[in-house]
Amino acid sequence: MDVIQVEHIRKRFGNKDALADVSFSIPKGEIFGFLGPSGSGKTTLIKILTAQLNATSGQASVFNLPAELMHQSAQKMRFGILTDNSGLYERLSIEENLELYRQLYDLPRSSIDKVLQFVNLSGERKKKVSLLSKGMRQRVLLACAIIHEPELLFLDEPTSALDPVNSAHIYKGLRYLNEKGTTIFLTTHDMAEADLICNRVAILYQGQIQTIGSPEGT
């Protein structure tokens, strides 16, 4: 079963196409890499698939439903998302931020311990977000995205601010999530990262997919 289907998606801003004609599908259980330089349209597509933007033309579906419906509460429960506009409450601690998500999803208290271990922040749980480095913020945002172990996970360059040790820790955790059944849509500009973790990759350039296939063959 395909979790995501994208058919001839085009997104135009003013007189410029951010996405020109994009088509692909992602079956359940896959880690799919969406590669391309900054400004190539990767984030725009995630925003379309999560109902933050409407496409200019074409069709996209998630869970066999029109992507426009992903703003509904019942659908939001099914996916997690980390993008450049994800936010945290600055005056709260890491743990307090996660507590808000725990309550939102009606999860057991143990879910916070579990997700802090996942992102390698168990010892920093009481630290205020305003005092965190960019890399630590990125890990807290990832924890918020995965605390409810979603069916589908959208990650927009999740390791861009992380050092190699923490990146490796996150890769291990993502593989674990994937083995438990989570489908992952991952954007990156790093082919080495895609080669490490993705089953398939699509390379996006100037709003169009140039090639799609296994990392070794692209």
N, C-alpha and C. Protein backbone atom coordinates (compact mmCIF):
# COMPACT_ATOMS: atom_id res chain seq x y z
N MET A 1 0.84 -1.19 0.00
CA MET A 1 0.00 0.00 0.00
C MET A 1 0.88 1.25 0.00
N ASP A 2 0.55 2.22 -0.82
CA ASP A 2 1.29 3.48 -0.84
C ASP A 2 0.76 4.41 0.25
N VAL A 3 1.67 4.90 1.08
CA VAL A 3 1.32 5.87 2.11
C VAL A 3 1.23 7.27 1.53
N ILE A 4 2.11 7.56 0.55
CA ILE A 4 2.12 8.86 -0.12
C ILE A 4 2.06 8.65 -1.63
N GLN A 5 1.22 9.42 -2.29
CA GLN A 5 1.15 9.44 -3.76
C GLN A 5 1.18 10.90 -4.23
N VAL A 6 2.08 11.19 -5.12
CA VAL A 6 2.22 12.54 -5.67
C VAL A 6 2.13 12.45 -7.18
N GLU A 7 1.19 13.19 -7.76
CA GLU A 7 0.96 13.11 -9.21
C GLU A 7 0.97 14.50 -9.83
N HIS A 8 2.02 14.78 -10.57
CA HIS A 8 2.14 16.01 -11.37
C HIS A 8 1.91 17.28 -10.54
N ILE A 9 2.54 17.28 -9.35
CA ILE A 9 2.40 18.44 -8.47
C ILE A 9 3.21 19.62 -9.00
N ARG A 10 2.54 20.76 -9.03
CA ARG A 10 3.19 22.01 -9.39
C ARG A 10 2.83 23.05 -8.34
N LYS A 11 3.83 23.81 -7.90
CA LYS A 11 3.58 24.90 -6.97
C LYS A 11 4.29 26.15 -7.49
N ARG A 12 3.50 27.17 -7.72
CA ARG A 12 4.02 28.41 -8.28
C ARG A 12 3.91 29.54 -7.27
N PHE A 13 5.00 30.28 -7.07
CA PHE A 13 5.01 31.48 -6.25
C PHE A 13 5.31 32.67 -7.17
N GLY A 14 4.31 33.51 -7.37
CA GLY A 14 4.50 34.62 -8.30
C GLY A 14 4.71 34.10 -9.71
N ASN A 15 5.84 34.45 -10.30
CA ASN A 15 6.12 33.98 -11.67
C ASN A 15 7.17 32.88 -11.70
N LYS A 16 7.38 32.22 -10.54
CA LYS A 16 8.40 31.17 -10.47
C LYS A 16 7.81 29.86 -9.96
N ASP A 17 8.18 28.76 -10.59
CA ASP A 17 7.77 27.43 -10.14
C ASP A 17 8.74 26.93 -9.07
N ALA A 18 8.24 26.71 -7.85
CA ALA A 18 9.05 26.04 -6.82
C ALA A 18 9.07 24.54 -7.11
N LEU A 19 7.93 24.02 -7.57
CA LEU A 19 7.81 22.64 -8.04
C LEU A 19 7.17 22.69 -9.41
N ALA A 20 7.80 22.03 -10.38
CA ALA A 20 7.32 22.17 -11.76
C ALA A 20 6.40 21.03 -12.19
N ASP A 21 6.80 19.79 -11.96
CA ASP A 21 5.99 18.62 -12.35
C ASP A 21 6.56 17.41 -11.63
N VAL A 22 6.10 17.17 -10.40
CA VAL A 22 6.69 16.17 -9.52
C VAL A 22 5.72 15.01 -9.30
N SER A 23 6.19 13.79 -9.56
CA SER A 23 5.38 12.58 -9.37
C SER A 23 6.23 11.48 -8.74
N PHE A 24 5.69 10.81 -7.72
CA PHE A 24 6.33 9.63 -7.13
C PHE A 24 5.35 9.04 -6.12
N SER A 25 5.65 7.85 -5.64
CA SER A 25 4.85 7.24 -4.58
C SER A 25 5.79 6.60 -3.56
N ILE A 26 5.31 6.48 -2.32
CA ILE A 26 6.11 5.90 -1.24
C ILE A 26 5.29 4.79 -0.59
N PRO A 27 5.73 3.53 -0.70
CA PRO A 27 4.98 2.45 -0.05
C PRO A 27 5.18 2.44 1.45
N LYS A 28 4.27 1.82 2.14
CA LYS A 28 4.33 1.70 3.59
C LYS A 28 5.63 1.03 4.00
N GLY A 29 6.30 1.60 5.00
CA GLY A 29 7.49 0.99 5.55
C GLY A 29 8.80 1.42 4.92
N GLU A 30 8.75 2.31 3.96
CA GLU A 30 9.97 2.74 3.27
C GLU A 30 10.59 3.96 3.96
N ILE A 31 11.92 4.07 3.89
CA ILE A 31 12.61 5.33 4.20
C ILE A 31 12.98 5.95 2.86
N PHE A 32 12.30 7.04 2.54
CA PHE A 32 12.43 7.67 1.23
C PHE A 32 13.19 8.98 1.37
N GLY A 33 14.27 9.12 0.64
CA GLY A 33 15.07 10.32 0.69
C GLY A 33 14.74 11.26 -0.46
N PHE A 34 14.58 12.53 -0.13
CA PHE A 34 14.29 13.56 -1.12
C PHE A 34 15.48 14.52 -1.11
N LEU A 35 16.33 14.40 -2.11
CA LEU A 35 17.59 15.13 -2.13
C LEU A 35 17.52 16.33 -3.06
N GLY A 36 18.28 17.35 -2.69
CA GLY A 36 18.37 18.51 -3.56
C GLY A 36 19.01 19.67 -2.82
N PRO A 37 19.56 20.63 -3.55
CA PRO A 37 20.15 21.80 -2.90
C PRO A 37 19.10 22.69 -2.27
N SER A 38 19.53 23.62 -1.43
CA SER A 38 18.61 24.59 -0.83
C SER A 38 17.88 25.34 -1.94
N GLY A 39 16.56 25.51 -1.75
CA GLY A 39 15.77 26.23 -2.74
C GLY A 39 15.25 25.39 -3.89
N SER A 40 15.48 24.08 -3.81
CA SER A 40 15.05 23.21 -4.92
C SER A 40 13.58 22.80 -4.82
N GLY A 41 12.92 23.05 -3.67
CA GLY A 41 11.51 22.74 -3.52
C GLY A 41 11.19 21.64 -2.53
N LYS A 42 12.19 21.14 -1.82
CA LYS A 42 11.98 20.03 -0.90
C LYS A 42 10.99 20.38 0.21
N THR A 43 11.24 21.50 0.88
CA THR A 43 10.37 21.91 1.99
C THR A 43 8.97 22.25 1.49
N THR A 44 8.89 22.84 0.32
CA THR A 44 7.58 23.18 -0.26
C THR A 44 6.72 21.94 -0.41
N LEU A 45 7.32 20.84 -0.86
CA LEU A 45 6.54 19.61 -1.04
C LEU A 45 6.07 19.06 0.31
N ILE A 46 6.92 19.08 1.32
CA ILE A 46 6.49 18.64 2.65
C ILE A 46 5.29 19.47 3.11
N LYS A 47 5.33 20.76 2.88
CA LYS A 47 4.23 21.64 3.32
C LYS A 47 2.94 21.33 2.57
N ILE A 48 3.05 20.92 1.31
CA ILE A 48 1.87 20.50 0.56
C ILE A 48 1.31 19.19 1.11
N LEU A 49 2.20 18.24 1.41
CA LEU A 49 1.78 16.93 1.90
C LEU A 49 1.19 17.00 3.31
N THR A 50 1.52 18.05 4.06
CA THR A 50 1.00 18.19 5.43
C THR A 50 -0.03 19.32 5.54
N ALA A 51 -0.59 19.73 4.41
CA ALA A 51 -1.70 20.69 4.35
C ALA A 51 -1.32 22.08 4.87
N GLN A 52 -0.05 22.43 4.81
CA GLN A 52 0.36 23.80 5.14
C GLN A 52 0.33 24.70 3.92
N LEU A 53 0.39 24.10 2.74
CA LEU A 53 0.29 24.82 1.46
C LEU A 53 -0.61 24.03 0.53
N ASN A 54 -1.27 24.71 -0.39
CA ASN A 54 -2.01 24.06 -1.45
C ASN A 54 -1.18 24.07 -2.73
N ALA A 55 -1.23 22.98 -3.46
CA ALA A 55 -0.53 22.92 -4.75
C ALA A 55 -1.24 23.82 -5.77
N THR A 56 -0.50 24.33 -6.72
CA THR A 56 -1.08 25.11 -7.82
C THR A 56 -1.86 24.19 -8.75
N SER A 57 -1.29 23.00 -9.00
CA SER A 57 -1.98 21.98 -9.81
C SER A 57 -1.41 20.62 -9.46
N GLY A 58 -2.09 19.58 -9.92
CA GLY A 58 -1.68 18.21 -9.60
C GLY A 58 -2.41 17.69 -8.37
N GLN A 59 -2.12 16.45 -8.01
CA GLN A 59 -2.80 15.81 -6.88
C GLN A 59 -1.78 15.14 -5.97
N ALA A 60 -2.05 15.19 -4.66
CA ALA A 60 -1.22 14.49 -3.69
C ALA A 60 -2.14 13.85 -2.66
N SER A 61 -1.81 12.64 -2.26
CA SER A 61 -2.60 11.96 -1.23
C SER A 61 -1.67 11.37 -0.17
N VAL A 62 -2.17 11.33 1.06
CA VAL A 62 -1.46 10.76 2.20
C VAL A 62 -2.46 9.85 2.91
N PHE A 63 -2.07 8.62 3.19
CA PHE A 63 -2.99 7.62 3.76
C PHE A 63 -4.23 7.44 2.87
N ASN A 64 -4.05 7.55 1.57
CA ASN A 64 -5.16 7.41 0.60
C ASN A 64 -6.22 8.49 0.76
N LEU A 65 -5.86 9.60 1.37
CA LEU A 65 -6.75 10.75 1.50
C LEU A 65 -6.09 11.96 0.85
N PRO A 66 -6.89 12.90 0.31
CA PRO A 66 -6.28 14.12 -0.25
C PRO A 66 -5.40 14.81 0.79
N ALA A 67 -4.23 15.25 0.36
CA ALA A 67 -3.28 15.88 1.29
C ALA A 67 -3.89 17.08 2.00
N GLU A 68 -4.87 17.72 1.36
CA GLU A 68 -5.52 18.90 1.97
C GLU A 68 -6.22 18.56 3.29
N LEU A 69 -6.50 17.27 3.53
CA LEU A 69 -7.19 16.86 4.74
C LEU A 69 -6.25 16.61 5.92
N MET A 70 -4.95 16.72 5.68
CA MET A 70 -3.99 16.40 6.74
C MET A 70 -3.99 17.43 7.87
N HIS A 71 -4.72 18.54 7.72
CA HIS A 71 -4.83 19.51 8.81
C HIS A 71 -5.84 19.05 9.87
N GLN A 72 -6.64 18.02 9.54
CA GLN A 72 -7.65 17.54 10.49
C GLN A 72 -6.99 16.83 11.67
N SER A 73 -7.56 17.00 12.85
CA SER A 73 -6.96 16.45 14.06
C SER A 73 -6.72 14.94 13.97
N ALA A 74 -7.69 14.22 13.42
CA ALA A 74 -7.57 12.76 13.34
C ALA A 74 -6.39 12.35 12.48
N GLN A 75 -6.09 13.14 11.45
CA GLN A 75 -4.96 12.81 10.57
C GLN A 75 -3.64 13.27 11.18
N LYS A 76 -3.64 14.41 11.87
CA LYS A 76 -2.42 14.91 12.50
C LYS A 76 -1.87 13.92 13.51
N MET A 77 -2.76 13.14 14.11
CA MET A 77 -2.33 12.13 15.08
C MET A 77 -1.51 11.03 14.42
N ARG A 78 -1.64 10.89 13.11
CA ARG A 78 -1.03 9.76 12.40
C ARG A 78 0.37 10.06 11.88
N PHE A 79 0.75 11.35 11.85
CA PHE A 79 2.08 11.66 11.34
C PHE A 79 2.83 12.61 12.27
N GLY A 80 4.14 12.63 12.13
CA GLY A 80 5.00 13.56 12.84
C GLY A 80 5.75 14.39 11.83
N ILE A 81 6.18 15.59 12.23
CA ILE A 81 6.83 16.48 11.27
C ILE A 81 7.90 17.33 11.96
N LEU A 82 9.04 17.42 11.31
CA LEU A 82 10.09 18.33 11.73
C LEU A 82 10.49 19.15 10.52
N THR A 83 10.22 20.46 10.55
CA THR A 83 10.59 21.34 9.44
C THR A 83 11.24 22.60 10.01
N ASP A 84 11.64 23.48 9.11
CA ASP A 84 12.32 24.71 9.53
C ASP A 84 11.40 25.66 10.29
N ASN A 85 10.07 25.43 10.24
CA ASN A 85 9.17 26.32 10.99
C ASN A 85 8.56 25.62 12.20
N SER A 86 9.13 24.47 12.59
CA SER A 86 8.72 23.85 13.85
C SER A 86 9.20 24.72 15.00
N GLY A 87 8.41 24.79 16.07
CA GLY A 87 8.75 25.70 17.16
C GLY A 87 8.71 25.05 18.53
N LEU A 88 9.38 25.70 19.48
CA LEU A 88 9.41 25.25 20.86
C LEU A 88 9.08 26.44 21.77
N TYR A 89 8.65 26.14 23.01
CA TYR A 89 8.39 27.19 23.99
C TYR A 89 9.70 27.51 24.71
N GLU A 90 10.22 28.71 24.46
CA GLU A 90 11.55 29.10 24.91
C GLU A 90 11.70 29.09 26.42
N ARG A 91 10.67 29.49 27.14
CA ARG A 91 10.80 29.65 28.59
C ARG A 91 10.56 28.34 29.35
N LEU A 92 10.17 27.31 28.62
CA LEU A 92 9.96 26.01 29.24
C LEU A 92 11.20 25.13 29.06
N SER A 93 11.30 24.13 29.91
CA SER A 93 12.40 23.17 29.79
C SER A 93 12.11 22.17 28.67
N ILE A 94 13.12 21.39 28.34
CA ILE A 94 12.94 20.32 27.35
C ILE A 94 11.79 19.41 27.79
N GLU A 95 11.85 18.99 29.05
CA GLU A 95 10.83 18.08 29.58
C GLU A 95 9.44 18.70 29.54
N GLU A 96 9.33 19.98 29.87
CA GLU A 96 8.03 20.65 29.88
C GLU A 96 7.47 20.79 28.46
N ASN A 97 8.32 21.04 27.49
CA ASN A 97 7.86 21.05 26.10
C ASN A 97 7.31 19.69 25.70
N LEU A 98 8.03 18.64 26.06
CA LEU A 98 7.58 17.30 25.71
C LEU A 98 6.30 16.91 26.45
N GLU A 99 6.13 17.43 27.67
CA GLU A 99 4.92 17.15 28.44
C GLU A 99 3.68 17.67 27.71
N LEU A 100 3.81 18.81 27.04
CA LEU A 100 2.68 19.35 26.27
C LEU A 100 2.28 18.38 25.16
N TYR A 101 3.26 17.81 24.48
CA TYR A 101 2.98 16.84 23.42
C TYR A 101 2.44 15.54 24.00
N ARG A 102 2.97 15.13 25.15
CA ARG A 102 2.48 13.91 25.79
C ARG A 102 0.99 14.03 26.09
N GLN A 103 0.60 15.20 26.62
CA GLN A 103 -0.81 15.41 26.94
C GLN A 103 -1.66 15.51 25.67
N LEU A 104 -1.11 16.17 24.65
CA LEU A 104 -1.84 16.31 23.38
C LEU A 104 -2.20 14.95 22.80
N TYR A 105 -1.26 14.03 22.87
CA TYR A 105 -1.48 12.70 22.29
C TYR A 105 -1.99 11.68 23.31
N ASP A 106 -2.20 12.12 24.58
CA ASP A 106 -2.70 11.25 25.64
C ASP A 106 -1.81 10.02 25.80
N LEU A 107 -0.51 10.28 26.00
CA LEU A 107 0.48 9.21 26.10
C LEU A 107 0.86 8.96 27.56
N PRO A 108 1.40 7.79 27.87
CA PRO A 108 1.88 7.54 29.24
C PRO A 108 3.12 8.39 29.53
N ARG A 109 3.38 8.63 30.81
CA ARG A 109 4.54 9.45 31.20
C ARG A 109 5.85 8.85 30.74
N SER A 110 5.88 7.55 30.61
CA SER A 110 7.10 6.86 30.19
C SER A 110 7.52 7.24 28.77
N SER A 111 6.59 7.80 27.98
CA SER A 111 6.92 8.17 26.60
C SER A 111 7.97 9.27 26.56
N ILE A 112 7.98 10.15 27.57
CA ILE A 112 8.99 11.22 27.62
C ILE A 112 10.37 10.63 27.86
N ASP A 113 10.50 9.71 28.82
CA ASP A 113 11.78 9.05 29.07
C ASP A 113 12.29 8.35 27.82
N LYS A 114 11.39 7.69 27.15
CA LYS A 114 11.75 6.90 25.97
C LYS A 114 12.27 7.79 24.84
N VAL A 115 11.57 8.90 24.60
CA VAL A 115 11.95 9.75 23.47
C VAL A 115 13.21 10.56 23.80
N LEU A 116 13.43 10.91 25.06
CA LEU A 116 14.66 11.61 25.44
C LEU A 116 15.87 10.70 25.24
N GLN A 117 15.69 9.44 25.52
CA GLN A 117 16.78 8.48 25.26
C GLN A 117 17.03 8.36 23.76
N PHE A 118 15.97 8.38 23.00
CA PHE A 118 16.05 8.27 21.53
C PHE A 118 16.94 9.38 20.95
N VAL A 119 16.77 10.62 21.47
CA VAL A 119 17.51 11.76 20.91
C VAL A 119 18.74 12.12 21.75
N ASN A 120 19.09 11.24 22.71
CA ASN A 120 20.32 11.40 23.48
C ASN A 120 20.31 12.67 24.34
N LEU A 121 19.16 12.94 25.00
CA LEU A 121 19.03 14.13 25.84
C LEU A 121 18.51 13.81 27.24
N SER A 122 18.63 12.58 27.67
CA SER A 122 18.08 12.19 28.97
C SER A 122 18.66 13.03 30.11
N GLY A 123 19.93 13.37 30.02
CA GLY A 123 20.57 14.12 31.09
C GLY A 123 20.35 15.62 31.04
N GLU A 124 19.66 16.10 30.01
CA GLU A 124 19.45 17.54 29.82
C GLU A 124 17.98 17.94 29.97
N ARG A 125 17.17 17.07 30.48
CA ARG A 125 15.72 17.26 30.43
C ARG A 125 15.24 18.52 31.16
N LYS A 126 15.95 18.97 32.17
CA LYS A 126 15.53 20.13 32.96
C LYS A 126 16.03 21.46 32.37
N LYS A 127 16.82 21.40 31.32
CA LYS A 127 17.42 22.62 30.75
C LYS A 127 16.37 23.40 29.96
N LYS A 128 16.38 24.74 30.14
CA LYS A 128 15.44 25.58 29.40
C LYS A 128 15.82 25.64 27.92
N VAL A 129 14.81 25.67 27.08
CA VAL A 129 15.02 25.70 25.64
C VAL A 129 15.83 26.93 25.22
N SER A 130 15.62 28.05 25.90
CA SER A 130 16.33 29.28 25.54
C SER A 130 17.85 29.16 25.69
N LEU A 131 18.31 28.17 26.43
CA LEU A 131 19.74 27.98 26.67
C LEU A 131 20.36 26.92 25.77
N LEU A 132 19.58 26.33 24.88
CA LEU A 132 20.06 25.22 24.07
C LEU A 132 20.84 25.67 22.84
N SER A 133 21.80 24.86 22.44
CA SER A 133 22.49 25.07 21.17
C SER A 133 21.55 24.70 20.02
N LYS A 134 21.93 25.08 18.81
CA LYS A 134 21.11 24.76 17.64
C LYS A 134 20.95 23.24 17.48
N GLY A 135 22.02 22.51 17.71
CA GLY A 135 21.95 21.06 17.59
C GLY A 135 21.03 20.42 18.61
N MET A 136 21.07 20.93 19.85
CA MET A 136 20.18 20.40 20.88
C MET A 136 18.73 20.73 20.58
N ARG A 137 18.47 21.95 20.08
CA ARG A 137 17.12 22.32 19.68
C ARG A 137 16.59 21.35 18.62
N GLN A 138 17.45 21.02 17.66
CA GLN A 138 17.06 20.12 16.59
C GLN A 138 16.65 18.77 17.14
N ARG A 139 17.37 18.31 18.15
CA ARG A 139 17.04 17.02 18.75
C ARG A 139 15.73 17.08 19.56
N VAL A 140 15.48 18.21 20.21
CA VAL A 140 14.20 18.36 20.94
C VAL A 140 13.04 18.39 19.95
N LEU A 141 13.21 19.11 18.84
CA LEU A 141 12.16 19.15 17.81
C LEU A 141 11.87 17.75 17.25
N LEU A 142 12.94 16.99 17.07
CA LEU A 142 12.75 15.61 16.60
C LEU A 142 11.99 14.79 17.63
N ALA A 143 12.32 14.98 18.90
CA ALA A 143 11.61 14.27 19.97
C ALA A 143 10.13 14.60 19.96
N CYS A 144 9.80 15.87 19.73
CA CYS A 144 8.38 16.27 19.65
C CYS A 144 7.68 15.60 18.47
N ALA A 145 8.40 15.41 17.38
CA ALA A 145 7.82 14.83 16.17
C ALA A 145 7.56 13.34 16.29
N ILE A 146 8.33 12.66 17.14
CA ILE A 146 8.24 11.19 17.18
C ILE A 146 7.70 10.64 18.48
N ILE A 147 7.35 11.51 19.44
CA ILE A 147 6.95 11.02 20.76
C ILE A 147 5.76 10.08 20.69
N HIS A 148 4.88 10.27 19.70
CA HIS A 148 3.69 9.42 19.58
C HIS A 148 3.90 8.25 18.60
N GLU A 149 5.16 8.00 18.20
CA GLU A 149 5.49 6.90 17.29
C GLU A 149 4.53 6.87 16.10
N PRO A 150 4.58 7.91 15.27
CA PRO A 150 3.60 8.05 14.18
C PRO A 150 3.76 7.00 13.08
N GLU A 151 2.69 6.83 12.32
CA GLU A 151 2.74 5.94 11.15
C GLU A 151 3.66 6.49 10.07
N LEU A 152 3.71 7.81 9.99
CA LEU A 152 4.46 8.50 8.94
C LEU A 152 5.22 9.65 9.57
N LEU A 153 6.48 9.81 9.16
CA LEU A 153 7.33 10.85 9.73
C LEU A 153 7.95 11.67 8.61
N PHE A 154 7.72 12.99 8.66
CA PHE A 154 8.33 13.93 7.72
C PHE A 154 9.50 14.61 8.41
N LEU A 155 10.69 14.48 7.84
CA LEU A 155 11.88 15.07 8.43
C LEU A 155 12.58 15.94 7.40
N ASP A 156 12.66 17.23 7.68
CA ASP A 156 13.29 18.18 6.76
C ASP A 156 14.71 18.48 7.25
N GLU A 157 15.68 17.79 6.65
CA GLU A 157 17.09 17.93 7.02
C GLU A 157 17.29 17.80 8.54
N PRO A 158 16.93 16.65 9.10
CA PRO A 158 16.90 16.50 10.56
C PRO A 158 18.27 16.53 11.23
N THR A 159 19.34 16.25 10.52
CA THR A 159 20.67 16.21 11.15
C THR A 159 21.55 17.37 10.70
N SER A 160 20.96 18.41 10.11
CA SER A 160 21.76 19.51 9.54
C SER A 160 22.57 20.26 10.60
N ALA A 161 22.11 20.26 11.85
CA ALA A 161 22.82 20.99 12.90
C ALA A 161 23.53 20.07 13.88
N LEU A 162 23.61 18.79 13.55
CA LEU A 162 24.14 17.82 14.50
C LEU A 162 25.58 17.41 14.16
N ASP A 163 26.33 17.06 15.21
CA ASP A 163 27.68 16.52 15.00
C ASP A 163 27.57 15.05 14.60
N PRO A 164 28.66 14.46 14.10
CA PRO A 164 28.61 13.07 13.62
C PRO A 164 28.13 12.06 14.66
N VAL A 165 28.50 12.26 15.93
CA VAL A 165 28.10 11.30 16.97
C VAL A 165 26.58 11.31 17.16
N ASN A 166 26.01 12.51 17.28
CA ASN A 166 24.56 12.58 17.47
C ASN A 166 23.81 12.21 16.19
N SER A 167 24.37 12.52 15.04
CA SER A 167 23.74 12.09 13.78
C SER A 167 23.64 10.57 13.74
N ALA A 168 24.72 9.90 14.09
CA ALA A 168 24.73 8.43 14.10
C ALA A 168 23.69 7.89 15.08
N HIS A 169 23.56 8.56 16.23
CA HIS A 169 22.57 8.15 17.24
C HIS A 169 21.15 8.28 16.67
N ILE A 170 20.89 9.38 15.96
CA ILE A 170 19.58 9.62 15.36
C ILE A 170 19.31 8.59 14.26
N TYR A 171 20.30 8.30 13.43
CA TYR A 171 20.12 7.30 12.37
C TYR A 171 19.71 5.96 12.96
N LYS A 172 20.37 5.57 14.04
CA LYS A 172 20.05 4.30 14.70
C LYS A 172 18.60 4.30 15.19
N GLY A 173 18.18 5.43 15.77
CA GLY A 173 16.81 5.54 16.26
C GLY A 173 15.79 5.51 15.14
N LEU A 174 16.10 6.18 14.03
CA LEU A 174 15.17 6.19 12.89
C LEU A 174 15.01 4.79 12.29
N ARG A 175 16.11 4.06 12.22
CA ARG A 175 16.02 2.67 11.73
C ARG A 175 15.12 1.84 12.65
N TYR A 176 15.26 2.06 13.95
CA TYR A 176 14.43 1.34 14.93
C TYR A 176 12.95 1.68 14.71
N LEU A 177 12.65 2.97 14.57
CA LEU A 177 11.26 3.39 14.30
C LEU A 177 10.74 2.75 13.03
N ASN A 178 11.58 2.75 12.00
CA ASN A 178 11.20 2.18 10.71
C ASN A 178 10.92 0.69 10.82
N GLU A 179 11.75 0.00 11.57
CA GLU A 179 11.55 -1.45 11.76
C GLU A 179 10.24 -1.74 12.49
N LYS A 180 9.78 -0.79 13.29
CA LYS A 180 8.49 -0.95 13.99
C LYS A 180 7.30 -0.55 13.12
N GLY A 181 7.59 -0.04 11.90
CA GLY A 181 6.50 0.21 10.96
C GLY A 181 6.33 1.64 10.49
N THR A 182 7.13 2.58 11.01
CA THR A 182 6.98 3.98 10.60
C THR A 182 7.58 4.22 9.22
N THR A 183 6.81 4.79 8.33
CA THR A 183 7.29 5.22 7.02
C THR A 183 7.94 6.59 7.20
N ILE A 184 9.10 6.79 6.57
CA ILE A 184 9.86 8.03 6.78
C ILE A 184 10.12 8.73 5.45
N PHE A 185 9.75 10.01 5.40
CA PHE A 185 10.04 10.88 4.26
C PHE A 185 11.09 11.89 4.74
N LEU A 186 12.29 11.78 4.20
CA LEU A 186 13.44 12.51 4.69
C LEU A 186 14.03 13.40 3.61
N THR A 187 14.13 14.70 3.87
CA THR A 187 14.82 15.56 2.92
C THR A 187 16.25 15.80 3.40
N THR A 188 17.16 15.91 2.47
CA THR A 188 18.56 16.16 2.79
C THR A 188 19.27 16.70 1.56
N HIS A 189 20.41 17.34 1.77
CA HIS A 189 21.26 17.71 0.64
C HIS A 189 22.54 16.87 0.65
N ASP A 190 22.55 15.85 1.52
CA ASP A 190 23.75 15.04 1.76
C ASP A 190 23.55 13.63 1.21
N MET A 191 24.22 13.32 0.10
CA MET A 191 24.08 11.99 -0.52
C MET A 191 24.59 10.89 0.41
N ALA A 192 25.62 11.19 1.20
CA ALA A 192 26.16 10.19 2.12
C ALA A 192 25.11 9.81 3.17
N GLU A 193 24.36 10.79 3.64
CA GLU A 193 23.29 10.53 4.61
C GLU A 193 22.21 9.65 3.98
N ALA A 194 21.82 9.98 2.76
CA ALA A 194 20.80 9.19 2.06
C ALA A 194 21.27 7.75 1.85
N ASP A 195 22.55 7.60 1.53
CA ASP A 195 23.12 6.28 1.29
C ASP A 195 23.09 5.44 2.56
N LEU A 196 23.26 6.10 3.72
CA LEU A 196 23.29 5.39 4.99
C LEU A 196 21.93 4.88 5.42
N ILE A 197 20.89 5.65 5.15
CA ILE A 197 19.60 5.36 5.81
C ILE A 197 18.44 5.06 4.86
N CYS A 198 18.49 5.53 3.61
CA CYS A 198 17.31 5.47 2.74
C CYS A 198 17.24 4.20 1.89
N ASN A 199 16.01 3.71 1.68
CA ASN A 199 15.77 2.61 0.75
C ASN A 199 15.79 3.09 -0.69
N ARG A 200 15.18 4.25 -0.91
CA ARG A 200 15.17 4.88 -2.23
C ARG A 200 15.37 6.37 -2.08
N VAL A 201 15.86 7.00 -3.14
CA VAL A 201 16.01 8.45 -3.13
C VAL A 201 15.49 9.03 -4.44
N ALA A 202 15.01 10.27 -4.35
CA ALA A 202 14.67 11.07 -5.53
C ALA A 202 15.53 12.32 -5.47
N ILE A 203 16.10 12.70 -6.59
CA ILE A 203 16.93 13.90 -6.64
C ILE A 203 16.15 15.01 -7.32
N LEU A 204 15.94 16.10 -6.58
CA LEU A 204 15.15 17.23 -7.06
C LEU A 204 16.09 18.37 -7.44
N TYR A 205 15.86 18.94 -8.60
CA TYR A 205 16.66 20.09 -9.05
C TYR A 205 15.78 21.02 -9.85
N GLN A 206 15.77 22.29 -9.45
CA GLN A 206 14.95 23.30 -10.12
C GLN A 206 13.49 22.86 -10.26
N GLY A 207 12.99 22.27 -9.16
CA GLY A 207 11.57 21.93 -9.11
C GLY A 207 11.15 20.66 -9.83
N GLN A 208 12.11 19.89 -10.33
CA GLN A 208 11.77 18.66 -11.03
C GLN A 208 12.64 17.51 -10.54
N ILE A 209 12.06 16.30 -10.50
CA ILE A 209 12.84 15.12 -10.14
C ILE A 209 13.71 14.71 -11.33
N GLN A 210 15.00 14.64 -11.07
CA GLN A 210 15.95 14.28 -12.12
C GLN A 210 16.15 12.77 -12.24
N THR A 211 16.09 12.09 -11.09
CA THR A 211 16.24 10.64 -11.08
C THR A 211 15.66 10.09 -9.78
N ILE A 212 15.28 8.83 -9.80
CA ILE A 212 14.72 8.18 -8.60
C ILE A 212 15.12 6.72 -8.62
N GLY A 213 15.50 6.20 -7.44
CA GLY A 213 15.93 4.82 -7.37
C GLY A 213 16.69 4.55 -6.08
N SER A 214 17.41 3.42 -6.00
CA SER A 214 18.19 3.11 -4.81
C SER A 214 19.37 4.08 -4.70
N PRO A 215 19.86 4.35 -3.49
CA PRO A 215 20.97 5.29 -3.35
C PRO A 215 22.19 4.91 -4.18
N GLU A 216 22.45 3.60 -4.28
CA GLU A 216 23.63 3.15 -5.02
C GLU A 216 23.51 3.44 -6.51
N GLY A 217 22.25 3.48 -7.00
CA GLY A 217 22.06 3.62 -8.44
C GLY A 217 21.79 5.03 -8.91
N THR A 218 21.79 6.01 -7.97
CA THR A 218 21.46 7.38 -8.37
C THR A 218 22.70 8.26 -8.42
